[in-house]
């Protein structure tokens, strides 16, 4: 027993609940799968010394009775009685009466965190000792879109080699830095202070800064995600770990810091999950971001929003990943952001972007790269543009004038225009004959786009997910009554194109730069495309790769919204 008024401890409760224990961090913490959110990566931390628990995935936490009670849907008194009966402990029929002793967390059992100033000074000195490996710098450049200047500004470093682990704490203390009470530091078996680095958790160190600019902690982006042997194949494993020492002697937790990047006086602040994501999005957009370390770890958000409101912020924009439409856990975290914003007098709205990109950083980087590619893209000749419906026929006159006036063009007029020799002669002698000839090489395809309608529902399990996920969710075919028509248009294309070519062109045409009259988001996974001509109708599910034919009762889908012409 943990020294409280309870005749049982949290490990007794874990045994009754048959929690799946993943690993043990000595006598101070035990990691198990969370029965509340269903996560199976050992994110539920049980603290035997203080009989409390915290899920670092869904954010739920509390004492022994709420853990048992939430799972069984009962209150604390009933939970106490059932546990006592199951374990055959306690006085028969005794009721649970909360006291200050039984409900409080005994802080005396926990090492105290150092002051914010000491944590900032120590972690700043730690980062100054470290370097960033070429491989990590290349990742931040090419995969994240950061410049060298931005990388230096954010302070990213690589975790040190094993040979330096023991020397780091000693060097910090020689500089007058405090290590006791700083997240990530602990006493080893020889009584020496050391940082909790390990070769298995090597990666990029991400600084976590508060709205005051002070370093609150560090996070590691792992080089190799950690997977449990029981994890399903589709789970990639944990990619990020806090630099924490809560399971070690005299170690302390990293807590749930809110990372802040940008202007504390900004009128608008975006909220997302993940410090690296926030840094990248800030670098690409110049906007101000606050980031939680887990979508439901919003403990510090209340205090931050109160500060921002006093500082002049008026609006919070929730920018959690786009799986908030399919993942109830992410949706729940997004709702928490909204509620906390409203509580603190701030307006809040949800940001929705091209669902082909999960995070706001991915989306912004893709837009940035598209702009660069657009500048580098080889210009189409006249024939290519006309056969694809991108210009009227008389545009050929402008192209011909361009060929005549530009001295740097080293090709013949037919090649410049994309015409064969016979086609160019038609243009010279009788342009209308060329138009008729090219029109015979063009085809048209009418098509409609249907997208999931989220009005009145929070999530759909297959939203923006592949057909396999839809089948796993229990749907044999896409449920048409969950969809809405968002576009009805026509595509011009070269006549020799296959159905696959047409569908890929539709996907390209309905992304980011949307056609006029299009009422939905960019065409993405889980959308339905209908190809029709007269009585012939075919439906295709936009899959993770390409399109798959499906049955779809379009008459059951919601019609397009009426748009007010006056806006």
Protein backbone atom coordinates (compact mmCIF):
# COMPACT_ATOMS: atom_id res chain seq x y z
CA UNK A 1 0.00 0.00 0.00
CA UNK A 2 1.23 3.52 -0.85
CA UNK A 3 0.72 5.00 2.60
CA UNK A 4 -2.79 6.47 2.12
CA UNK A 5 -6.23 5.74 3.65
CA UNK A 6 -6.94 3.30 0.80
CA UNK A 7 -6.66 -0.43 1.57
CA UNK A 8 -5.28 -0.92 -1.96
CA UNK A 9 -2.92 0.83 -4.36
CA UNK A 10 -2.95 1.77 -8.03
CA UNK A 11 -1.21 -1.43 -9.09
CA UNK A 12 -4.04 -3.41 -7.45
CA UNK A 13 -6.48 -1.38 -9.56
CA UNK A 14 -4.37 -1.96 -12.69
CA UNK A 15 -4.52 -5.69 -12.00
CA UNK A 16 -8.30 -5.62 -11.61
CA UNK A 17 -8.63 -3.70 -14.87
CA UNK A 18 -6.20 -6.10 -16.56
CA UNK A 19 -4.19 -3.23 -17.98
CA UNK A 20 -1.58 -4.28 -20.53
CA UNK A 21 1.74 -3.29 -18.93
CA UNK A 22 4.30 -2.27 -21.55
CA UNK A 23 7.37 -1.36 -19.50
CA UNK A 24 8.49 -0.31 -16.02
CA UNK A 25 10.57 2.68 -15.05
CA UNK A 26 11.82 1.36 -11.75
CA UNK A 27 9.57 1.82 -8.73
CA UNK A 28 8.35 5.27 -9.73
CA UNK A 29 6.40 4.74 -12.93
CA UNK A 30 4.78 1.92 -14.90
CA UNK A 31 3.65 2.38 -18.51
CA UNK A 32 0.53 0.64 -19.80
CA UNK A 33 -1.94 0.84 -22.68
CA UNK A 34 -4.71 3.35 -22.04
CA UNK A 35 -8.18 1.77 -21.67
CA UNK A 36 -9.83 5.19 -21.98
CA UNK A 37 -8.60 6.35 -25.39
CA UNK A 38 -7.59 2.89 -26.62
CA UNK A 39 -4.01 3.84 -27.48
CA UNK A 40 -1.77 0.77 -27.49
CA UNK A 41 1.68 2.32 -27.20
CA UNK A 42 2.11 2.40 -23.43
CA UNK A 43 1.22 6.08 -23.03
CA UNK A 44 -0.67 5.57 -19.74
CA UNK A 45 1.74 6.33 -16.89
CA UNK A 46 0.92 4.80 -13.49
CA UNK A 47 2.70 6.36 -10.51
CA UNK A 48 2.76 3.78 -7.65
CA UNK A 49 4.36 6.13 -5.12
CA UNK A 50 1.50 8.62 -5.34
CA UNK A 51 -1.31 6.37 -6.69
CA UNK A 52 -2.07 8.59 -9.68
CA UNK A 53 -2.08 8.16 -13.45
CA UNK A 54 -1.77 10.26 -16.58
CA UNK A 55 -2.29 9.28 -20.23
CA UNK A 56 0.17 11.21 -22.36
CA UNK A 57 -1.90 10.51 -25.48
CA UNK A 58 -5.43 11.56 -24.53
CA UNK A 59 -4.50 13.81 -21.59
CA UNK A 60 -6.83 12.12 -19.07
CA UNK A 61 -5.45 11.86 -15.53
CA UNK A 62 -6.43 11.45 -11.90
CA UNK A 63 -6.46 9.06 -8.96
CA UNK A 64 -7.24 5.37 -8.64
CA UNK A 65 -11.02 5.68 -8.25
CA UNK A 66 -11.57 7.89 -11.34
CA UNK A 67 -9.49 5.39 -13.39
CA UNK A 68 -11.69 2.50 -12.35
CA UNK A 69 -14.86 4.62 -12.44
CA UNK A 70 -14.35 6.01 -15.96
CA UNK A 71 -13.89 2.54 -17.39
CA UNK A 72 -16.96 1.11 -15.65
CA UNK A 73 -19.09 4.26 -15.83
CA UNK A 74 -19.56 4.65 -12.06
CA UNK A 75 -18.78 7.26 -9.41
CA UNK A 76 -15.96 7.22 -6.86
CA UNK A 77 -18.02 5.71 -4.03
CA UNK A 78 -19.21 2.80 -6.17
CA UNK A 79 -15.70 2.37 -7.55
CA UNK A 80 -14.28 2.18 -4.01
CA UNK A 81 -16.88 -0.40 -2.95
CA UNK A 82 -16.38 -2.59 -6.05
CA UNK A 83 -12.59 -2.55 -5.74
CA UNK A 84 -12.77 -3.49 -2.06
CA UNK A 85 -15.18 -6.32 -2.80
CA UNK A 86 -13.08 -7.65 -5.68
CA UNK A 87 -9.86 -7.53 -3.63
CA UNK A 88 -11.61 -8.62 -0.41
CA UNK A 89 -10.11 -5.74 1.55
CA UNK A 90 -11.54 -2.95 3.72
CA UNK A 91 -14.42 -3.00 6.15
CA UNK A 92 -17.60 -4.66 4.76
CA UNK A 93 -20.10 -2.07 3.58
CA UNK A 94 -17.82 0.87 4.35
CA UNK A 95 -18.49 3.92 2.17
CA UNK A 96 -15.72 5.91 0.54
CA UNK A 97 -15.38 9.35 2.11
CA UNK A 98 -12.88 11.65 0.42
CA UNK A 99 -10.43 13.41 2.71
CA UNK A 100 -7.63 15.81 2.05
CA UNK A 101 -5.20 12.97 2.60
CA UNK A 102 -6.80 10.56 0.17
CA UNK A 103 -7.44 12.91 -2.72
CA UNK A 104 -4.30 15.03 -2.71
CA UNK A 105 -1.12 14.18 -4.58
CA UNK A 106 1.63 13.85 -2.02
CA UNK A 107 4.06 16.29 -3.53
CA UNK A 108 6.61 15.40 -0.85
CA UNK A 109 7.14 12.10 -2.69
CA UNK A 110 8.12 13.93 -5.88
CA UNK A 111 11.42 15.76 -6.46
CA UNK A 112 10.79 19.46 -6.97
CA UNK A 113 11.34 21.03 -10.38
CA UNK A 114 13.96 23.72 -10.60
CA UNK A 115 12.84 27.31 -11.16
CA UNK A 116 11.92 28.33 -14.75
CA UNK A 117 15.03 30.54 -14.86
CA UNK A 118 17.33 27.68 -13.76
CA UNK A 119 15.73 25.27 -16.26
CA UNK A 120 16.21 27.84 -19.03
CA UNK A 121 19.84 28.49 -18.11
CA UNK A 122 20.75 24.80 -17.85
CA UNK A 123 19.05 23.73 -21.08
CA UNK A 124 20.52 26.72 -22.93
CA UNK A 125 24.00 25.73 -21.76
CA UNK A 126 23.31 22.10 -22.72
CA UNK A 127 22.35 23.06 -26.27
CA UNK A 128 25.46 25.25 -26.53
CA UNK A 129 27.59 22.14 -25.90
CA UNK A 130 25.97 20.21 -28.74
CA UNK A 131 26.12 20.35 -32.54
CA UNK A 132 23.74 19.48 -35.35
CA UNK A 133 24.81 16.54 -37.49
CA UNK A 134 24.92 16.95 -41.30
CA UNK A 135 22.19 14.31 -41.69
CA UNK A 136 19.86 16.15 -39.31
CA UNK A 137 20.59 19.50 -40.97
CA UNK A 138 19.79 17.97 -44.37
CA UNK A 139 16.49 16.62 -43.02
CA UNK A 140 15.51 20.06 -41.72
CA UNK A 141 16.45 21.64 -45.04
CA UNK A 142 14.94 19.22 -47.53
CA UNK A 143 12.09 17.57 -45.63
CA UNK A 144 11.04 20.59 -43.57
CA UNK A 145 11.93 23.46 -45.89
CA UNK A 146 14.01 25.43 -43.38
CA UNK A 147 17.00 27.58 -44.26
CA UNK A 148 20.30 27.40 -42.37
CA UNK A 149 19.49 30.75 -40.75
CA UNK A 150 16.14 29.45 -39.52
CA UNK A 151 17.73 26.24 -38.23
CA UNK A 152 20.23 28.28 -36.21
CA UNK A 153 17.50 30.62 -34.96
CA UNK A 154 15.34 27.78 -33.62
CA UNK A 155 18.38 26.13 -32.00
CA UNK A 156 17.97 22.54 -33.20
CA UNK A 157 20.77 20.20 -32.13
CA UNK A 158 21.56 16.48 -32.34
CA UNK A 159 21.61 14.26 -29.28
CA UNK A 160 25.22 13.63 -28.19
CA UNK A 161 27.23 10.43 -28.68
CA UNK A 162 27.25 7.95 -25.81
CA UNK A 163 30.85 8.79 -24.85
CA UNK A 164 29.74 12.28 -23.71
CA UNK A 165 26.74 11.31 -21.56
CA UNK A 166 28.61 11.26 -18.22
CA UNK A 167 30.65 14.41 -18.87
CA UNK A 168 27.70 16.64 -19.77
CA UNK A 169 26.22 17.08 -16.28
CA UNK A 170 29.66 17.64 -14.73
CA UNK A 171 30.48 20.35 -17.26
CA UNK A 172 27.14 22.05 -16.66
CA UNK A 173 27.67 22.12 -12.91
CA UNK A 174 31.19 23.49 -13.43
CA UNK A 175 29.54 26.38 -15.28
CA UNK A 176 27.31 27.02 -12.27
CA UNK A 177 24.18 25.47 -13.81
CA UNK A 178 21.59 23.64 -11.74
CA UNK A 179 20.84 20.06 -12.86
CA UNK A 180 18.74 18.85 -9.93
CA UNK A 181 15.08 19.40 -10.78
CA UNK A 182 15.75 20.02 -14.48
CA UNK A 183 13.71 17.70 -16.75
CA UNK A 184 15.98 15.09 -18.33
CA UNK A 185 18.58 14.87 -15.54
CA UNK A 186 18.81 12.22 -12.81
CA UNK A 187 21.16 10.45 -10.38
CA UNK A 188 22.67 7.22 -11.71
CA UNK A 189 23.47 4.14 -9.60
CA UNK A 190 26.86 5.64 -8.70
CA UNK A 191 25.30 8.83 -7.35
CA UNK A 192 26.41 10.92 -10.34
CA UNK A 193 24.16 13.34 -12.21
CA UNK A 194 23.67 12.57 -15.87
CA UNK A 195 21.26 13.44 -18.74
CA UNK A 196 18.79 10.79 -19.85
CA UNK A 197 20.16 10.23 -23.34
CA UNK A 198 20.38 6.78 -24.93
CA UNK A 199 21.51 5.48 -28.30
CA UNK A 200 18.04 4.00 -28.82
CA UNK A 201 16.52 7.49 -28.49
CA UNK A 202 19.04 9.37 -30.66
CA UNK A 203 17.64 12.13 -32.84
CA UNK A 204 17.05 15.85 -33.24
CA UNK A 205 16.66 17.93 -30.07
CA UNK A 206 13.79 20.41 -30.39
CA UNK A 207 13.79 23.36 -27.94
CA UNK A 208 10.43 24.09 -26.26
CA UNK A 209 10.01 27.77 -25.44
CA UNK A 210 7.32 29.53 -23.49
CA UNK A 211 5.57 32.74 -24.45
CA UNK A 212 8.23 34.54 -22.37
CA UNK A 213 10.99 33.06 -24.55
CA UNK A 214 12.40 30.88 -21.78
CA UNK A 215 13.36 27.27 -22.53
CA UNK A 216 10.88 25.03 -20.71
CA UNK A 217 12.17 21.68 -21.94
CA UNK A 218 13.34 19.67 -24.91
CA UNK A 219 11.78 17.11 -27.20
CA UNK A 220 13.59 14.47 -29.27
CA UNK A 221 12.56 13.62 -32.82
CA UNK A 222 13.77 10.04 -32.96
CA UNK A 223 15.94 8.78 -35.81
CA UNK A 224 14.22 5.42 -35.44
CA UNK A 225 10.61 5.39 -34.21
CA UNK A 226 10.08 3.12 -31.21
CA UNK A 227 7.63 0.32 -31.92
CA UNK A 228 6.33 -2.19 -29.42
CA UNK A 229 6.37 -5.83 -30.49
CA UNK A 230 2.58 -5.95 -30.09
CA UNK A 231 1.92 -2.86 -32.19
CA UNK A 232 -0.21 -3.46 -35.30
CA UNK A 233 1.73 -3.26 -38.60
CA UNK A 234 0.08 0.00 -39.64
CA UNK A 235 1.41 1.85 -36.58
CA UNK A 236 4.67 3.61 -37.34
CA UNK A 237 5.70 3.79 -33.69
CA UNK A 238 6.50 6.75 -31.44
CA UNK A 239 8.41 9.44 -33.38
CA UNK A 240 8.82 11.97 -30.59
CA UNK A 241 9.86 11.63 -26.94
CA UNK A 242 10.09 14.27 -24.22
CA UNK A 243 13.52 14.82 -22.68
CA UNK A 244 12.30 13.66 -19.29
CA UNK A 245 13.67 11.74 -16.31
CA UNK A 246 10.52 11.09 -14.32
CA UNK A 247 11.22 7.34 -14.08
CA UNK A 248 14.75 7.84 -12.69
CA UNK A 249 16.16 8.62 -9.24
CA UNK A 250 15.69 12.33 -8.45
CA UNK A 251 14.39 12.83 -11.97
CA UNK A 252 11.46 15.12 -12.79
CA UNK A 253 8.80 15.10 -15.45
CA UNK A 254 8.91 17.32 -18.49
CA UNK A 255 5.26 18.13 -17.84
CA UNK A 256 3.05 19.31 -20.68
CA UNK A 257 4.70 22.57 -21.82
CA UNK A 258 3.09 24.75 -24.49
CA UNK A 259 5.64 25.74 -27.11
CA UNK A 260 5.25 29.29 -28.42
CA UNK A 261 6.83 30.82 -31.52
CA UNK A 262 6.10 34.25 -32.94
CA UNK A 263 4.76 37.54 -31.60
CA UNK A 264 3.18 37.43 -28.09
CA UNK A 265 1.23 40.55 -29.08
CA UNK A 266 -0.22 39.02 -32.24
CA UNK A 267 -3.94 39.56 -32.78
CA UNK A 268 -4.26 36.03 -34.17
CA UNK A 269 -2.54 32.91 -32.78
CA UNK A 270 -2.64 29.47 -34.42
CA UNK A 271 -2.72 26.33 -32.26
CA UNK A 272 -1.39 22.95 -33.41
CA UNK A 273 0.31 19.85 -32.01
CA UNK A 274 4.10 19.48 -32.08
CA UNK A 275 6.87 22.04 -31.59
CA UNK A 276 8.72 21.22 -34.82
CA UNK A 277 5.48 21.54 -36.78
CA UNK A 278 4.84 24.95 -35.22
CA UNK A 279 8.39 26.15 -35.94
CA UNK A 280 8.19 25.08 -39.59
CA UNK A 281 4.73 26.59 -40.08
CA UNK A 282 5.91 29.84 -38.48
CA UNK A 283 8.98 29.93 -40.73
CA UNK A 284 6.89 29.38 -43.88
CA UNK A 285 4.02 31.74 -43.02
CA UNK A 286 5.34 34.28 -40.53
CA UNK A 287 2.27 33.60 -38.35
CA UNK A 288 2.35 33.08 -34.58
CA UNK A 289 1.89 29.51 -33.28
CA UNK A 290 1.31 27.76 -29.96
CA UNK A 291 1.90 24.00 -29.90
CA UNK A 292 0.95 21.30 -27.43
CA UNK A 293 3.13 18.22 -26.94
CA UNK A 294 0.10 15.99 -27.46
CA UNK A 295 -3.24 16.83 -29.02
CA UNK A 296 -4.99 16.49 -25.65
CA UNK A 297 -2.16 17.79 -23.44
CA UNK A 298 -3.75 21.21 -23.05
CA UNK A 299 -2.94 21.67 -19.35
CA UNK A 300 -1.02 24.91 -19.88
CA UNK A 301 -3.34 26.27 -22.59
CA UNK A 302 -5.78 27.88 -20.15
CA UNK A 303 -3.08 30.03 -18.59
CA UNK A 304 -1.58 30.88 -22.01
CA UNK A 305 -4.94 31.98 -23.45
CA UNK A 306 -5.61 34.18 -20.42
CA UNK A 307 -2.21 35.84 -20.93
CA UNK A 308 -2.75 36.29 -24.68
CA UNK A 309 -6.18 37.83 -24.09
CA UNK A 310 -4.64 40.38 -21.72
CA UNK A 311 -1.89 40.99 -24.29
CA UNK A 312 -4.29 41.89 -27.11
CA UNK A 313 -4.87 38.58 -28.90
CA UNK A 314 -8.45 38.43 -30.20
CA UNK A 315 -8.64 35.19 -32.20
CA UNK A 316 -7.37 31.62 -31.87
CA UNK A 317 -7.22 29.50 -35.01
CA UNK A 318 -7.33 25.76 -34.31
CA UNK A 319 -4.91 24.14 -36.76
CA UNK A 320 -4.75 20.54 -35.54
CA UNK A 321 -3.96 17.86 -38.14
CA UNK A 322 -6.63 17.00 -40.69
CA UNK A 323 -7.24 13.60 -39.11
CA UNK A 324 -9.39 15.54 -36.63
CA UNK A 325 -12.20 14.53 -39.01
CA UNK A 326 -11.52 10.79 -38.62
CA UNK A 327 -9.75 10.41 -35.26
CA UNK A 328 -12.00 11.00 -32.22
CA UNK A 329 -8.95 11.64 -30.04
CA UNK A 330 -7.69 14.45 -32.28
CA UNK A 331 -11.24 15.81 -32.60
CA UNK A 332 -11.54 15.84 -28.81
CA UNK A 333 -8.29 17.78 -28.50
CA UNK A 334 -9.44 20.32 -31.10
CA UNK A 335 -12.66 20.81 -29.14
CA UNK A 336 -10.64 21.47 -25.97
CA UNK A 337 -8.78 24.27 -27.74
CA UNK A 338 -12.08 25.84 -28.80
CA UNK A 339 -13.60 25.63 -25.30
CA UNK A 340 -10.52 27.10 -23.60
CA UNK A 341 -10.38 29.95 -26.12
CA UNK A 342 -14.04 30.87 -25.56
CA UNK A 343 -13.58 30.56 -21.78
CA UNK A 344 -10.85 33.20 -21.94
CA UNK A 345 -12.81 35.65 -24.08
CA UNK A 346 -11.21 34.76 -27.42
CA UNK A 347 -12.98 33.88 -30.64
CA UNK A 348 -11.92 30.57 -32.18
CA UNK A 349 -12.33 29.08 -35.63
CA UNK A 350 -11.19 25.85 -37.25
CA UNK A 351 -8.64 25.93 -40.05
CA UNK A 352 -9.30 23.49 -42.89
CA UNK A 353 -6.81 23.00 -45.71
CA UNK A 354 -6.05 20.65 -48.58
CA UNK A 355 -6.65 17.24 -46.90
CA UNK A 356 -3.95 15.62 -49.02
CA UNK A 357 -1.58 17.10 -46.44
CA UNK A 358 -2.05 15.97 -42.85
CA UNK A 359 -0.35 18.83 -40.99
CA UNK A 360 -0.34 22.57 -41.56
CA UNK A 361 3.44 22.41 -41.99
CA UNK A 362 3.14 19.80 -44.75
CA UNK A 363 0.51 21.90 -46.51
CA UNK A 364 2.48 25.15 -46.34
CA UNK A 365 5.66 23.45 -47.50
CA UNK A 366 3.80 21.92 -50.47
CA UNK A 367 2.43 25.36 -51.43
CA UNK A 368 5.93 26.83 -51.15
CA UNK A 369 7.40 24.09 -53.35
CA UNK A 370 4.59 24.45 -55.91
CA UNK A 371 5.41 28.13 -56.30
CA UNK A 372 9.04 27.29 -56.96
CA UNK A 373 8.16 24.55 -59.45
CA UNK A 374 5.72 26.88 -61.22
CA UNK A 375 8.58 29.26 -61.94
CA UNK A 376 10.76 26.43 -63.23
CA UNK A 377 8.03 24.59 -65.14
CA UNK A 378 8.48 24.29 -68.87
CA UNK A 379 5.86 26.35 -70.66
CA UNK A 380 3.33 24.41 -72.75
CA UNK A 381 3.20 25.11 -76.46
CA UNK A 382 0.01 26.26 -78.12
CA UNK A 383 -1.17 22.84 -79.27
CA UNK A 384 -0.76 21.30 -75.79
CA UNK A 385 -2.70 24.16 -74.23
CA UNK A 386 -5.50 24.05 -76.79
CA UNK A 387 -5.98 20.27 -76.63
CA UNK A 388 -6.23 20.59 -72.82
CA UNK A 389 -8.78 23.39 -73.01
CA UNK A 390 -6.44 25.97 -71.51
CA UNK A 391 -6.77 28.64 -74.20
CA UNK A 392 -9.06 29.71 -77.06
CA UNK A 393 -8.02 28.96 -80.63
CA UNK A 394 -7.17 32.58 -81.49
CA UNK A 395 -4.39 32.45 -78.84
CA UNK A 396 -2.30 30.95 -81.64
CA UNK A 397 -1.91 34.45 -83.11
CA UNK A 398 -0.25 35.71 -79.91
CA UNK A 399 2.06 32.68 -79.87
CA UNK A 400 3.04 33.23 -83.51
CA UNK A 401 3.76 36.93 -82.79
CA UNK A 402 5.92 35.87 -79.83
CA UNK A 403 7.96 33.58 -82.09
CA UNK A 404 8.51 36.37 -84.62
CA UNK A 405 9.52 39.01 -82.07
CA UNK A 406 11.86 36.99 -79.81
CA UNK A 407 15.40 36.74 -81.14
CA UNK A 408 16.46 34.14 -78.54
CA UNK A 409 14.15 31.45 -79.95
CA UNK A 410 16.20 28.93 -81.94
CA UNK A 411 13.43 26.63 -83.20
CA UNK A 412 11.13 26.79 -86.21
CA UNK A 413 7.61 28.19 -85.97
CA UNK A 414 5.90 24.74 -86.23
CA UNK A 415 8.04 23.36 -83.38
CA UNK A 416 7.45 26.46 -81.25
CA UNK A 417 3.68 26.14 -81.71
CA UNK A 418 3.73 22.35 -81.28
CA UNK A 419 2.32 21.74 -84.77
CA UNK A 420 3.32 19.28 -87.45
CA UNK A 421 4.46 20.69 -90.81
CA UNK A 422 1.04 19.96 -92.39
CA UNK A 423 -0.78 21.56 -89.45
CA UNK A 424 1.36 24.68 -89.72
CA UNK A 425 0.53 24.95 -93.43
CA UNK A 426 -3.18 24.76 -92.52
CA UNK A 427 -2.64 27.64 -90.11
CA UNK A 428 -0.92 29.73 -92.78
CA UNK A 429 -3.45 29.05 -95.52
CA UNK A 430 -6.76 28.62 -93.67
CA UNK A 431 -6.77 28.87 -89.85
CA UNK A 432 -10.37 27.59 -89.63
CA UNK A 433 -9.23 24.30 -91.18
CA UNK A 434 -6.59 23.93 -88.45
CA UNK A 435 -9.20 24.62 -85.79
CA UNK A 436 -11.47 21.89 -87.16
CA UNK A 437 -8.51 19.54 -87.36
CA UNK A 438 -7.44 20.18 -83.73
CA UNK A 439 -11.02 20.03 -82.46
CA UNK A 440 -11.12 16.49 -83.80
CA UNK A 441 -8.20 15.67 -81.49
CA UNK A 442 -9.98 16.99 -78.39
CA UNK A 443 -12.35 15.15 -76.11
CA UNK A 444 -14.59 16.37 -73.26
CA UNK A 445 -15.60 14.69 -70.04
CA UNK A 446 -18.38 15.80 -67.72
CA UNK A 447 -17.72 15.04 -64.08
CA UNK A 448 -19.01 15.64 -60.55
CA UNK A 449 -17.21 15.67 -57.20
CA UNK A 450 -18.81 14.47 -53.95
CA UNK A 451 -17.23 15.03 -50.54
CA UNK A 452 -18.07 13.94 -47.00
CA UNK A 453 -20.42 16.33 -45.22
CA UNK A 454 -19.37 16.91 -41.59
CA UNK A 455 -22.29 19.08 -40.56
CA UNK A 456 -23.84 17.69 -37.39
CA UNK A 457 -21.15 15.05 -36.83
CA UNK A 458 -17.69 15.24 -35.28
CA UNK A 459 -15.80 12.48 -37.05
CA UNK A 460 -16.13 9.77 -39.67
CA UNK A 461 -13.68 6.85 -39.29
CA UNK A 462 -12.71 6.83 -42.97
CA UNK A 463 -12.61 10.59 -43.57
CA UNK A 464 -9.62 11.33 -45.83
CA UNK A 465 -8.61 7.68 -45.54
CA UNK A 466 -8.26 4.92 -48.12
CA UNK A 467 -10.87 2.38 -49.25
CA UNK A 468 -9.38 -0.29 -47.00
CA UNK A 469 -10.06 1.89 -43.95
CA UNK A 470 -13.63 2.46 -45.12
CA UNK A 471 -14.17 -1.31 -45.34
CA UNK A 472 -12.67 -1.77 -41.87
CA UNK A 473 -15.16 0.79 -40.58
CA UNK A 474 -17.98 -1.50 -41.72
CA UNK A 475 -18.95 0.06 -45.06
CA UNK A 476 -19.09 -2.16 -48.13
CA UNK A 477 -19.52 0.88 -50.39
CA UNK A 478 -19.25 4.63 -49.72
CA UNK A 479 -22.38 5.76 -47.80
CA UNK A 480 -23.86 8.28 -50.24
CA UNK A 481 -26.06 9.90 -47.58
CA UNK A 482 -22.87 11.07 -45.82
CA UNK A 483 -21.69 12.89 -48.96
CA UNK A 484 -22.54 16.18 -50.61
CA UNK A 485 -22.18 17.28 -54.23
CA UNK A 486 -19.60 20.11 -54.37
CA UNK A 487 -18.89 20.49 -58.09
CA UNK A 488 -20.37 19.73 -61.49
CA UNK A 489 -18.11 20.60 -64.40
CA UNK A 490 -16.51 19.60 -67.67
CA UNK A 491 -12.96 18.82 -68.66
CA UNK A 492 -11.36 19.19 -72.09
CA UNK A 493 -8.52 16.80 -72.85
CA UNK A 494 -6.59 15.13 -75.71
CA UNK A 495 -8.88 12.50 -77.26
CA UNK A 496 -6.36 9.66 -76.87
CA UNK A 497 -6.36 10.00 -73.08
CA UNK A 498 -7.42 7.00 -71.05
CA UNK A 499 -9.90 7.06 -68.18
CA UNK A 500 -6.97 7.01 -65.78
CA UNK A 501 -5.44 10.07 -67.49
CA UNK A 502 -8.74 11.93 -67.18
CA UNK A 503 -9.12 11.14 -63.48
CA UNK A 504 -5.57 12.26 -62.71
CA UNK A 505 -6.17 15.50 -64.61
CA UNK A 506 -9.38 16.08 -62.60
CA UNK A 507 -7.40 15.53 -59.40
CA UNK A 508 -4.81 18.09 -60.51
CA UNK A 509 -7.44 20.61 -61.65
CA UNK A 510 -9.29 20.42 -58.31
CA UNK A 511 -6.33 21.00 -56.03
CA UNK A 512 -5.37 24.31 -54.41
CA UNK A 513 -6.32 26.47 -57.45
CA UNK A 514 -9.95 25.38 -57.49
CA UNK A 515 -12.21 25.91 -60.54
CA UNK A 516 -14.93 28.54 -60.41
CA UNK A 517 -18.09 27.27 -58.74
CA UNK A 518 -16.26 24.57 -56.77
CA UNK A 519 -17.77 24.52 -53.26
CA UNK A 520 -15.54 22.03 -51.42
CA UNK A 521 -11.98 21.48 -50.33
CA UNK A 522 -9.20 20.24 -52.60
CA UNK A 523 -9.97 16.82 -54.08
CA UNK A 524 -8.53 14.23 -51.71
CA UNK A 525 -8.72 10.68 -50.38
CA UNK A 526 -12.31 9.50 -49.56
CA UNK A 527 -13.87 11.85 -52.16
CA UNK A 528 -16.03 10.44 -54.98
CA UNK A 529 -15.60 11.44 -58.63
CA UNK A 530 -18.41 10.72 -61.07
CA UNK A 531 -17.74 10.56 -64.82
CA UNK A 532 -20.93 10.86 -66.81
CA UNK A 533 -22.12 11.24 -70.37
CA UNK A 534 -25.82 10.93 -71.15
CA UNK A 535 -27.12 7.88 -69.28
CA UNK A 536 -23.66 6.44 -68.64
CA UNK A 537 -22.41 7.09 -65.09
CA UNK A 538 -19.29 5.74 -63.39
CA UNK A 539 -18.14 6.43 -59.82
CA UNK A 540 -14.60 6.32 -58.44
CA UNK A 541 -13.28 6.48 -54.89
CA UNK A 542 -10.22 8.70 -54.56
CA UNK A 543 -7.82 6.24 -52.94
CA UNK A 544 -4.41 6.75 -51.38
CA UNK A 545 -2.97 5.81 -54.79
CA UNK A 546 -5.15 6.48 -57.85
CA UNK A 547 -8.89 5.93 -58.15
CA UNK A 548 -10.94 2.78 -57.53
CA UNK A 549 -14.36 2.07 -59.16
CA UNK A 550 -17.18 1.86 -56.57
CA UNK A 551 -20.97 1.68 -56.40
CA UNK A 552 -22.47 4.97 -55.29
CA UNK A 553 -26.13 5.99 -55.05
CA UNK A 554 -25.70 9.64 -56.04
CA UNK A 555 -29.40 10.37 -55.52
CA UNK A 556 -28.86 9.83 -51.78
CA UNK A 557 -26.11 12.48 -51.62
CA UNK A 558 -26.91 16.02 -50.49
CA UNK A 559 -27.25 18.52 -53.36
CA UNK A 560 -24.95 21.47 -53.93
CA UNK A 561 -25.59 24.48 -51.73
CA UNK A 562 -27.30 27.49 -53.24
CA UNK A 563 -24.77 30.29 -53.46
CA UNK A 564 -25.94 33.87 -52.97
CA UNK A 565 -24.74 35.80 -56.04
CA UNK A 566 -24.39 38.92 -53.88
CA UNK A 567 -21.90 37.04 -51.66
